[in-house]
Amino acid sequence: RRTPAPAWLPTAKGEEGDFCLRSSDCAAGLCCARHFWSKICKPVLREGQVCTRHRRKGTHGLEIFQRCQCAEGLACRLQREHGPADASRLHTCQQH
């Protein structure tokens, strides 16, 4: 005889905006990221979208509004600008 799953255990993967504990709680194409003091399912970043590059391990947990990682095949890299060298320190998801 099988025992039923606890009521708090979601039966389906979370959609965008649903509360989560880890990325495996979210549907495909979403990750679990901090939003204020809780965590919700947010979309994985696509090419050209702004991303966060973490220089030190562990700094990701300090953000109030986390972003997901870049989608598979993309890397978070410094955006190439054609202006002054210090014009932008923006990172975007780019092809490897």
PDB file of N, CA and C in Angstrom:
ATOM      1  N   ARG A   1       0.832  -1.186   0.000  1.00  0.00           N
ATOM      2  CA  ARG A   1       0.000   0.000   0.000  1.00  0.00           C
ATOM      3  C   ARG A   1       0.878   1.252   0.000  1.00  0.00           C
ATOM      4  N   ARG A   2       0.590   2.170  -0.903  1.00  0.00           N
ATOM      5  CA  ARG A   2       1.389   3.393  -1.011  1.00  0.00           C
ATOM      6  C   ARG A   2       0.786   4.509  -0.173  1.00  0.00           C
ATOM      7  N   THR A   3       1.654   5.281   0.450  1.00  0.00           N
ATOM      8  CA  THR A   3       1.173   6.433   1.220  1.00  0.00           C
ATOM      9  C   THR A   3       1.093   7.633   0.286  1.00  0.00           C
ATOM     10  N   PRO A   4       0.075   8.454   0.430  1.00  0.00           N
ATOM     11  CA  PRO A   4      -0.042   9.630  -0.445  1.00  0.00           C
ATOM     12  C   PRO A   4       1.083  10.630  -0.178  1.00  0.00           C
ATOM     13  N   ALA A   5       1.403  11.401  -1.205  1.00  0.00           N
ATOM     14  CA  ALA A   5       2.440  12.435  -1.072  1.00  0.00           C
ATOM     15  C   ALA A   5       1.947  13.516  -0.118  1.00  0.00           C
ATOM     16  N   PRO A   6       2.854  14.120   0.648  1.00  0.00           N
ATOM     17  CA  PRO A   6       2.444  15.204   1.551  1.00  0.00           C
ATOM     18  C   PRO A   6       1.788  16.340   0.765  1.00  0.00           C
ATOM     19  N   ALA A   7       0.874  17.047   1.391  1.00  0.00           N
ATOM     20  CA  ALA A   7       0.130  18.127   0.730  1.00  0.00           C
ATOM     21  C   ALA A   7       1.056  19.232   0.224  1.00  0.00           C
ATOM     22  N   TRP A   8       2.174  19.460   0.912  1.00  0.00           N
ATOM     23  CA  TRP A   8       3.077  20.539   0.506  1.00  0.00           C
ATOM     24  C   TRP A   8       3.918  20.174  -0.708  1.00  0.00           C
ATOM     25  N   LEU A   9       3.959  18.900  -1.070  1.00  0.00           N
ATOM     26  CA  LEU A   9       4.774  18.459  -2.200  1.00  0.00           C
ATOM     27  C   LEU A   9       4.032  18.730  -3.504  1.00  0.00           C
ATOM     28  N   PRO A  10       4.569  19.593  -4.387  1.00  0.00           N
ATOM     29  CA  PRO A  10       3.857  19.894  -5.623  1.00  0.00           C
ATOM     30  C   PRO A  10       3.762  18.661  -6.525  1.00  0.00           C
ATOM     31  N   THR A  11       2.629  18.514  -7.187  1.00  0.00           N
ATOM     32  CA  THR A  11       2.428  17.360  -8.061  1.00  0.00           C
ATOM     33  C   THR A  11       2.914  17.655  -9.473  1.00  0.00           C
ATOM     34  N   ALA A  12       2.968  18.922  -9.851  1.00  0.00           N
ATOM     35  CA  ALA A  12       3.433  19.301 -11.182  1.00  0.00           C
ATOM     36  C   ALA A  12       4.583  20.292 -11.026  1.00  0.00           C
ATOM     37  N   LYS A  13       5.370  20.424 -12.075  1.00  0.00           N
ATOM     38  CA  LYS A  13       6.484  21.374 -12.047  1.00  0.00           C
ATOM     39  C   LYS A  13       5.946  22.800 -12.045  1.00  0.00           C
ATOM     40  N   GLY A  14       6.616  23.673 -11.288  1.00  0.00           N
ATOM     41  CA  GLY A  14       6.180  25.061 -11.164  1.00  0.00           C
ATOM     42  C   GLY A  14       6.316  25.839 -12.454  1.00  0.00           C
ATOM     43  N   GLU A  15       5.376  26.736 -12.658  1.00  0.00           N
ATOM     44  CA  GLU A  15       5.417  27.639 -13.813  1.00  0.00           C
ATOM     45  C   GLU A  15       6.052  28.956 -13.380  1.00  0.00           C
ATOM     46  N   GLU A  16       6.297  29.846 -14.333  1.00  0.00           N
ATOM     47  CA  GLU A  16       6.920  31.132 -14.027  1.00  0.00           C
ATOM     48  C   GLU A  16       6.128  31.862 -12.951  1.00  0.00           C
ATOM     49  N   GLY A  17       6.824  32.296 -11.886  1.00  0.00           N
ATOM     50  CA  GLY A  17       6.199  33.022 -10.795  1.00  0.00           C
ATOM     51  C   GLY A  17       5.769  32.149  -9.627  1.00  0.00           C
ATOM     52  N   ASP A  18       5.775  30.814  -9.810  1.00  0.00           N
ATOM     53  CA  ASP A  18       5.403  29.906  -8.720  1.00  0.00           C
ATOM     54  C   ASP A  18       6.541  29.812  -7.705  1.00  0.00           C
ATOM     55  N   PHE A  19       6.199  29.631  -6.433  1.00  0.00           N
ATOM     56  CA  PHE A  19       7.210  29.470  -5.396  1.00  0.00           C
ATOM     57  C   PHE A  19       7.934  28.133  -5.574  1.00  0.00           C
ATOM     58  N   CYS A  20       9.226  28.108  -5.195  1.00  0.00           N
ATOM     59  CA  CYS A  20      10.041  26.896  -5.346  1.00  0.00           C
ATOM     60  C   CYS A  20      11.112  26.859  -4.270  1.00  0.00           C
ATOM     61  N   LEU A  21      11.752  25.704  -4.142  1.00  0.00           N
ATOM     62  CA  LEU A  21      12.896  25.552  -3.246  1.00  0.00           C
ATOM     63  C   LEU A  21      14.173  25.344  -4.033  1.00  0.00           C
ATOM     64  N   ARG A  22      14.054  24.675  -5.180  1.00  0.00           N
ATOM     65  CA  ARG A  22      15.215  24.371  -6.031  1.00  0.00           C
ATOM     66  C   ARG A  22      14.757  24.360  -7.486  1.00  0.00           C
ATOM     67  N   SER A  23      15.700  24.441  -8.407  1.00  0.00           N
ATOM     68  CA  SER A  23      15.361  24.515  -9.830  1.00  0.00           C
ATOM     69  C   SER A  23      14.610  23.284 -10.328  1.00  0.00           C
ATOM     70  N   SER A  24      14.825  22.134  -9.703  1.00  0.00           N
ATOM     71  CA  SER A  24      14.117  20.918 -10.127  1.00  0.00           C
ATOM     72  C   SER A  24      12.616  21.006  -9.822  1.00  0.00           C
ATOM     73  N   ASP A  25      12.204  21.988  -9.003  1.00  0.00           N
ATOM     74  CA  ASP A  25      10.783  22.205  -8.724  1.00  0.00           C
ATOM     75  C   ASP A  25      10.090  22.932  -9.875  1.00  0.00           C
ATOM     76  N   CYS A  26      10.877  23.512 -10.786  1.00  0.00           N
ATOM     77  CA  CYS A  26      10.343  24.343 -11.870  1.00  0.00           C
ATOM     78  C   CYS A  26      10.278  23.576 -13.190  1.00  0.00           C
ATOM     79  N   ALA A  27       9.377  24.012 -14.066  1.00  0.00           N
ATOM     80  CA  ALA A  27       9.215  23.415 -15.389  1.00  0.00           C
ATOM     81  C   ALA A  27      10.468  23.676 -16.240  1.00  0.00           C
ATOM     82  N   ALA A  28      10.556  22.984 -17.363  1.00  0.00           N
ATOM     83  CA  ALA A  28      11.685  23.148 -18.285  1.00  0.00           C
ATOM     84  C   ALA A  28      11.778  24.606 -18.733  1.00  0.00           C
ATOM     85  N   GLY A  29      13.010  25.105 -18.830  1.00  0.00           N
ATOM     86  CA  GLY A  29      13.237  26.480 -19.259  1.00  0.00           C
ATOM     87  C   GLY A  29      13.151  27.493 -18.133  1.00  0.00           C
ATOM     88  N   LEU A  30      12.963  26.989 -16.892  1.00  0.00           N
ATOM     89  CA  LEU A  30      12.882  27.867 -15.726  1.00  0.00           C
ATOM     90  C   LEU A  30      13.890  27.425 -14.678  1.00  0.00           C
ATOM     91  N   CYS A  31      14.287  28.350 -13.811  1.00  0.00           N
ATOM     92  CA  CYS A  31      15.143  28.010 -12.683  1.00  0.00           C
ATOM     93  C   CYS A  31      14.520  28.619 -11.433  1.00  0.00           C
ATOM     94  N   CYS A  32      14.962  28.169 -10.279  1.00  0.00           N
ATOM     95  CA  CYS A  32      14.472  28.676  -8.996  1.00  0.00           C
ATOM     96  C   CYS A  32      15.454  29.756  -8.523  1.00  0.00           C
ATOM     97  N   ALA A  33      14.984  30.986  -8.425  1.00  0.00           N
ATOM     98  CA  ALA A  33      15.868  32.099  -8.068  1.00  0.00           C
ATOM     99  C   ALA A  33      15.186  33.010  -7.049  1.00  0.00           C
ATOM    100  N   ARG A  34      16.005  33.676  -6.242  1.00  0.00           N
ATOM    101  CA  ARG A  34      15.501  34.553  -5.190  1.00  0.00           C
ATOM    102  C   ARG A  34      14.752  35.745  -5.783  1.00  0.00           C
ATOM    103  N   HIS A  35      13.640  36.086  -5.145  1.00  0.00           N
ATOM    104  CA  HIS A  35      12.845  37.266  -5.497  1.00  0.00           C
ATOM    105  C   HIS A  35      12.381  37.842  -4.170  1.00  0.00           C
ATOM    106  N   PHE A  36      12.991  38.929  -3.743  1.00  0.00           N
ATOM    107  CA  PHE A  36      12.857  39.447  -2.381  1.00  0.00           C
ATOM    108  C   PHE A  36      13.358  38.361  -1.430  1.00  0.00           C
ATOM    109  N   TRP A  37      12.524  37.945  -0.482  1.00  0.00           N
ATOM    110  CA  TRP A  37      12.998  36.975   0.513  1.00  0.00           C
ATOM    111  C   TRP A  37      12.432  35.588   0.303  1.00  0.00           C
ATOM    112  N   SER A  38      11.896  35.324  -0.873  1.00  0.00           N
ATOM    113  CA  SER A  38      11.434  33.974  -1.210  1.00  0.00           C
ATOM    114  C   SER A  38      12.093  33.588  -2.532  1.00  0.00           C
ATOM    115  N   LYS A  39      11.763  32.417  -3.036  1.00  0.00           N
ATOM    116  CA  LYS A  39      12.315  31.964  -4.309  1.00  0.00           C
ATOM    117  C   LYS A  39      11.163  31.588  -5.221  1.00  0.00           C
ATOM    118  N   ILE A  40      11.259  32.000  -6.491  1.00  0.00           N
ATOM    119  CA  ILE A  40      10.227  31.691  -7.476  1.00  0.00           C
ATOM    120  C   ILE A  40      10.864  31.156  -8.749  1.00  0.00           C
ATOM    121  N   CYS A  41      10.058  30.511  -9.573  1.00  0.00           N
ATOM    122  CA  CYS A  41      10.520  30.023 -10.875  1.00  0.00           C
ATOM    123  C   CYS A  41      10.620  31.211 -11.830  1.00  0.00           C
ATOM    124  N   LYS A  42      11.799  31.370 -12.416  1.00  0.00           N
ATOM    125  CA  LYS A  42      12.051  32.452 -13.370  1.00  0.00           C
ATOM    126  C   LYS A  42      12.607  31.850 -14.650  1.00  0.00           C
ATOM    127  N   PRO A  43      12.458  32.537 -15.795  1.00  0.00           N
ATOM    128  CA  PRO A  43      12.952  31.990 -17.065  1.00  0.00           C
ATOM    129  C   PRO A  43      14.480  31.985 -17.151  1.00  0.00           C
ATOM    130  N   VAL A  44      15.005  30.917 -17.742  1.00  0.00           N
ATOM    131  CA  VAL A  44      16.433  30.830 -18.049  1.00  0.00           C
ATOM    132  C   VAL A  44      16.711  31.894 -19.110  1.00  0.00           C
ATOM    133  N   LEU A  45      17.870  32.529 -19.037  1.00  0.00           N
ATOM    134  CA  LEU A  45      18.184  33.648 -19.927  1.00  0.00           C
ATOM    135  C   LEU A  45      18.525  33.201 -21.340  1.00  0.00           C
ATOM    136  N   ARG A  46      18.061  33.986 -22.318  1.00  0.00           N
ATOM    137  CA  ARG A  46      18.321  33.703 -23.738  1.00  0.00           C
ATOM    138  C   ARG A  46      19.420  34.633 -24.250  1.00  0.00           C
ATOM    139  N   GLU A  47      19.875  34.368 -25.457  1.00  0.00           N
ATOM    140  CA  GLU A  47      20.956  35.153 -26.062  1.00  0.00           C
ATOM    141  C   GLU A  47      20.607  36.636 -26.089  1.00  0.00           C
ATOM    142  N   GLY A  48      21.569  37.461 -25.648  1.00  0.00           N
ATOM    143  CA  GLY A  48      21.406  38.909 -25.654  1.00  0.00           C
ATOM    144  C   GLY A  48      20.817  39.476 -24.377  1.00  0.00           C
ATOM    145  N   GLN A  49      20.282  38.606 -23.503  1.00  0.00           N
ATOM    146  CA  GLN A  49      19.718  39.107 -22.255  1.00  0.00           C
ATOM    147  C   GLN A  49      20.819  39.384 -21.242  1.00  0.00           C
ATOM    148  N   VAL A  50      20.592  40.368 -20.387  1.00  0.00           N
ATOM    149  CA  VAL A  50      21.564  40.747 -19.364  1.00  0.00           C
ATOM    150  C   VAL A  50      21.663  39.638 -18.325  1.00  0.00           C
ATOM    151  N   CYS A  51      22.888  39.282 -17.953  1.00  0.00           N
ATOM    152  CA  CYS A  51      23.134  38.223 -16.975  1.00  0.00           C
ATOM    153  C   CYS A  51      24.039  38.763 -15.875  1.00  0.00           C
ATOM    154  N   THR A  52      24.169  37.984 -14.811  1.00  0.00           N
ATOM    155  CA  THR A  52      25.022  38.376 -13.690  1.00  0.00           C
ATOM    156  C   THR A  52      26.226  37.461 -13.652  1.00  0.00           C
ATOM    157  N   ARG A  53      27.393  38.049 -13.708  1.00  0.00           N
ATOM    158  CA  ARG A  53      28.633  37.282 -13.639  1.00  0.00           C
ATOM    159  C   ARG A  53      29.157  37.380 -12.218  1.00  0.00           C
ATOM    160  N   HIS A  54      29.349  36.250 -11.578  1.00  0.00           N
ATOM    161  CA  HIS A  54      29.808  36.249 -10.194  1.00  0.00           C
ATOM    162  C   HIS A  54      31.308  36.027 -10.144  1.00  0.00           C
ATOM    163  N   ARG A  55      32.003  37.006  -9.615  1.00  0.00           N
ATOM    164  CA  ARG A  55      33.465  36.927  -9.537  1.00  0.00           C
ATOM    165  C   ARG A  55      33.912  36.022  -8.398  1.00  0.00           C
ATOM    166  N   ARG A  56      33.163  36.052  -7.289  1.00  0.00           N
ATOM    167  CA  ARG A  56      33.537  35.229  -6.136  1.00  0.00           C
ATOM    168  C   ARG A  56      32.451  34.203  -5.872  1.00  0.00           C
ATOM    169  N   LYS A  57      32.883  33.017  -5.529  1.00  0.00           N
ATOM    170  CA  LYS A  57      31.933  31.969  -5.197  1.00  0.00           C
ATOM    171  C   LYS A  57      31.159  32.370  -3.938  1.00  0.00           C
ATOM    172  N   GLY A  58      29.853  32.164  -3.968  1.00  0.00           N
ATOM    173  CA  GLY A  58      29.039  32.468  -2.810  1.00  0.00           C
ATOM    174  C   GLY A  58      28.356  33.818  -2.842  1.00  0.00           C
ATOM    175  N   THR A  59      28.705  34.706  -3.780  1.00  0.00           N
ATOM    176  CA  THR A  59      28.084  36.028  -3.815  1.00  0.00           C
ATOM    177  C   THR A  59      26.677  35.973  -4.399  1.00  0.00           C
ATOM    178  N   HIS A  60      26.319  34.889  -5.097  1.00  0.00           N
ATOM    179  CA  HIS A  60      24.994  34.750  -5.702  1.00  0.00           C
ATOM    180  C   HIS A  60      23.903  34.794  -4.634  1.00  0.00           C
ATOM    181  N   GLY A  61      24.188  34.296  -3.456  1.00  0.00           N
ATOM    182  CA  GLY A  61      23.214  34.255  -2.379  1.00  0.00           C
ATOM    183  C   GLY A  61      22.913  35.607  -1.764  1.00  0.00           C
ATOM    184  N   LEU A  62      23.713  36.639  -2.067  1.00  0.00           N
ATOM    185  CA  LEU A  62      23.526  37.959  -1.480  1.00  0.00           C
ATOM    186  C   LEU A  62      22.521  38.807  -2.249  1.00  0.00           C
ATOM    187  N   GLU A  63      22.155  38.393  -3.445  1.00  0.00           N
ATOM    188  CA  GLU A  63      21.244  39.177  -4.269  1.00  0.00           C
ATOM    189  C   GLU A  63      19.796  39.036  -3.808  1.00  0.00           C
ATOM    190  N   ILE A  64      19.044  40.121  -3.881  1.00  0.00           N
ATOM    191  CA  ILE A  64      17.618  40.078  -3.553  1.00  0.00           C
ATOM    192  C   ILE A  64      16.821  39.636  -4.774  1.00  0.00           C
ATOM    193  N   PHE A  65      17.273  40.046  -5.967  1.00  0.00           N
ATOM    194  CA  PHE A  65      16.618  39.654  -7.218  1.00  0.00           C
ATOM    195  C   PHE A  65      17.624  38.882  -8.056  1.00  0.00           C
ATOM    196  N   GLN A  66      17.635  37.587  -7.912  1.00  0.00           N
ATOM    197  CA  GLN A  66      18.573  36.767  -8.686  1.00  0.00           C
ATOM    198  C   GLN A  66      18.046  36.573 -10.101  1.00  0.00           C
ATOM    199  N   ARG A  67      18.976  36.384 -11.017  1.00  0.00           N
ATOM    200  CA  ARG A  67      18.639  36.006 -12.386  1.00  0.00           C
ATOM    201  C   ARG A  67      19.014  34.545 -12.559  1.00  0.00           C
ATOM    202  N   CYS A  68      18.355  33.896 -13.502  1.00  0.00           N
ATOM    203  CA  CYS A  68      18.743  32.526 -13.848  1.00  0.00           C
ATOM    204  C   CYS A  68      20.062  32.567 -14.605  1.00  0.00           C
ATOM    205  N   GLN A  69      20.619  31.401 -14.816  1.00  0.00           N
ATOM    206  CA  GLN A  69      21.827  31.281 -15.623  1.00  0.00           C
ATOM    207  C   GLN A  69      21.435  31.397 -17.103  1.00  0.00           C
ATOM    208  N   CYS A  70      22.447  31.535 -17.952  1.00  0.00           N
ATOM    209  CA  CYS A  70      22.213  31.561 -19.393  1.00  0.00           C
ATOM    210  C   CYS A  70      21.807  30.161 -19.856  1.00  0.00           C
ATOM    211  N   ALA A  71      21.014  30.107 -20.911  1.00  0.00           N
ATOM    212  CA  ALA A  71      20.567  28.834 -21.480  1.00  0.00           C
ATOM    213  C   ALA A  71      21.776  28.023 -21.971  1.00  0.00           C
ATOM    214  N   GLU A  72      21.551  26.746 -22.196  1.00  0.00           N
ATOM    215  CA  GLU A  72      22.613  25.854 -22.658  1.00  0.00           C
ATOM    216  C   GLU A  72      23.218  26.377 -23.957  1.00  0.00           C
ATOM    217  N   GLY A  73      24.549  26.332 -24.052  1.00  0.00           N
ATOM    218  CA  GLY A  73      25.255  26.809 -25.243  1.00  0.00           C
ATOM    219  C   GLY A  73      25.601  28.292 -25.185  1.00  0.00           C
ATOM    220  N   LEU A  74      25.169  28.960 -24.116  1.00  0.00           N
ATOM    221  CA  LEU A  74      25.459  30.390 -23.945  1.00  0.00           C
ATOM    222  C   LEU A  74      26.306  30.605 -22.703  1.00  0.00           C
ATOM    223  N   ALA A  75      27.078  31.677 -22.717  1.00  0.00           N
ATOM    224  CA  ALA A  75      27.917  32.029 -21.565  1.00  0.00           C
ATOM    225  C   ALA A  75      27.690  33.494 -21.224  1.00  0.00           C
ATOM    226  N   CYS A  76      27.817  33.832 -19.944  1.00  0.00           N
ATOM    227  CA  CYS A  76      27.667  35.206 -19.480  1.00  0.00           C
ATOM    228  C   CYS A  76      29.003  35.914 -19.689  1.00  0.00           C
ATOM    229  N   ARG A  77      29.031  36.823 -20.669  1.00  0.00           N
ATOM    230  CA  ARG A  77      30.279  37.502 -21.020  1.00  0.00           C
ATOM    231  C   ARG A  77      30.070  39.001 -21.100  1.00  0.00           C
ATOM    232  N   LEU A  78      31.169  39.729 -20.942  1.00  0.00           N
ATOM    233  CA  LEU A  78      31.154  41.181 -21.047  1.00  0.00           C
ATOM    234  C   LEU A  78      30.668  41.576 -22.441  1.00  0.00           C
ATOM    235  N   GLN A  79      29.686  42.481 -22.475  1.00  0.00           N
ATOM    236  CA  GLN A  79      29.136  42.924 -23.753  1.00  0.00           C
ATOM    237  C   GLN A  79      30.184  43.749 -24.485  1.00  0.00           C
ATOM    238  N   ARG A  80      30.367  43.469 -25.754  1.00  0.00           N
ATOM    239  CA  ARG A  80      31.339  44.213 -26.547  1.00  0.00           C
ATOM    240  C   ARG A  80      30.702  45.512 -27.033  1.00  0.00           C
ATOM    241  N   GLU A  81      31.309  46.622 -26.685  1.00  0.00           N
ATOM    242  CA  GLU A  81      30.811  47.942 -27.094  1.00  0.00           C
ATOM    243  C   GLU A  81      31.811  48.563 -28.068  1.00  0.00           C
ATOM    244  N   HIS A  82      31.293  49.420 -28.924  1.00  0.00           N
ATOM    245  CA  HIS A  82      32.164  50.096 -29.888  1.00  0.00           C
ATOM    246  C   HIS A  82      32.447  51.530 -29.472  1.00  0.00           C
ATOM    247  N   GLY A  83      32.321  51.812 -28.170  1.00  0.00           N
ATOM    248  CA  GLY A  83      32.575  53.159 -27.653  1.00  0.00           C
ATOM    249  C   GLY A  83      33.830  53.158 -26.803  1.00  0.00           C
ATOM    250  N   PRO A  84      33.914  54.112 -25.855  1.00  0.00           N
ATOM    251  CA  PRO A  84      35.068  54.157 -24.947  1.00  0.00           C
ATOM    252  C   PRO A  84      35.215  52.838 -24.183  1.00  0.00           C
ATOM    253  N   ALA A  85      36.427  52.510 -23.835  1.00  0.00           N
ATOM    254  CA  ALA A  85      36.729  51.224 -23.186  1.00  0.00           C
ATOM    255  C   ALA A  85      35.941  51.002 -21.907  1.00  0.00           C
ATOM    256  N   ASP A  86      35.670  52.081 -21.150  1.00  0.00           N
ATOM    257  CA  ASP A  86      34.969  51.919 -19.880  1.00  0.00           C
ATOM    258  C   ASP A  86      33.478  52.264 -19.986  1.00  0.00           C
ATOM    259  N   ALA A  87      32.934  52.307 -21.197  1.00  0.00           N
ATOM    260  CA  ALA A  87      31.546  52.727 -21.408  1.00  0.00           C
ATOM    261  C   ALA A  87      30.553  51.799 -20.727  1.00  0.00           C
ATOM    262  N   SER A  88      30.780  50.493 -20.787  1.00  0.00           N
ATOM    263  CA  SER A  88      29.801  49.575 -20.227  1.00  0.00           C
ATOM    264  C   SER A  88      30.470  48.358 -19.610  1.00  0.00           C
ATOM    265  N   ARG A  89      29.984  47.967 -18.444  1.00  0.00           N
ATOM    266  CA  ARG A  89      30.466  46.755 -17.796  1.00  0.00           C
ATOM    267  C   ARG A  89      29.340  45.708 -17.798  1.00  0.00           C
ATOM    268  N   LEU A  90      28.412  45.869 -18.741  1.00  0.00           N
ATOM    269  CA  LEU A  90      27.239  45.001 -18.835  1.00  0.00           C
ATOM    270  C   LEU A  90      27.618  43.616 -19.373  1.00  0.00           C
ATOM    271  N   HIS A  91      27.091  42.585 -18.732  1.00  0.00           N
ATOM    272  CA  HIS A  91      27.301  41.228 -19.200  1.00  0.00           C
ATOM    273  C   HIS A  91      26.011  40.717 -19.838  1.00  0.00           C
ATOM    274  N   THR A  92      26.138  40.012 -20.950  1.00  0.00           N
ATOM    275  CA  THR A  92      24.980  39.427 -21.623  1.00  0.00           C
ATOM    276  C   THR A  92      25.277  37.975 -21.965  1.00  0.00           C
ATOM    277  N   CYS A  93      24.208  37.212 -22.200  1.00  0.00           N
ATOM    278  CA  CYS A  93      24.352  35.817 -22.608  1.00  0.00           C
ATOM    279  C   CYS A  93      24.754  35.785 -24.076  1.00  0.00           C
ATOM    280  N   GLN A  94      25.892  35.122 -24.355  1.00  0.00           N
ATOM    281  CA  GLN A  94      26.442  35.081 -25.709  1.00  0.00           C
ATOM    282  C   GLN A  94      26.828  33.644 -26.057  1.00  0.00           C
ATOM    283  N   GLN A  95      26.859  33.368 -27.359  1.00  0.00           N
ATOM    284  CA  GLN A  95      27.299  32.055 -27.845  1.00  0.00           C
ATOM    285  C   GLN A  95      28.729  31.800 -27.376  1.00  0.00           C
ATOM    286  N   HIS A  96      29.042  30.534 -27.076  1.00  0.00           N
ATOM    287  CA  HIS A  96      30.412  30.146 -26.643  1.00  0.00           C
ATOM    288  C   HIS A  96      31.424  30.510 -27.704  1.00  0.00           C
TER     289      HIS A  96
END
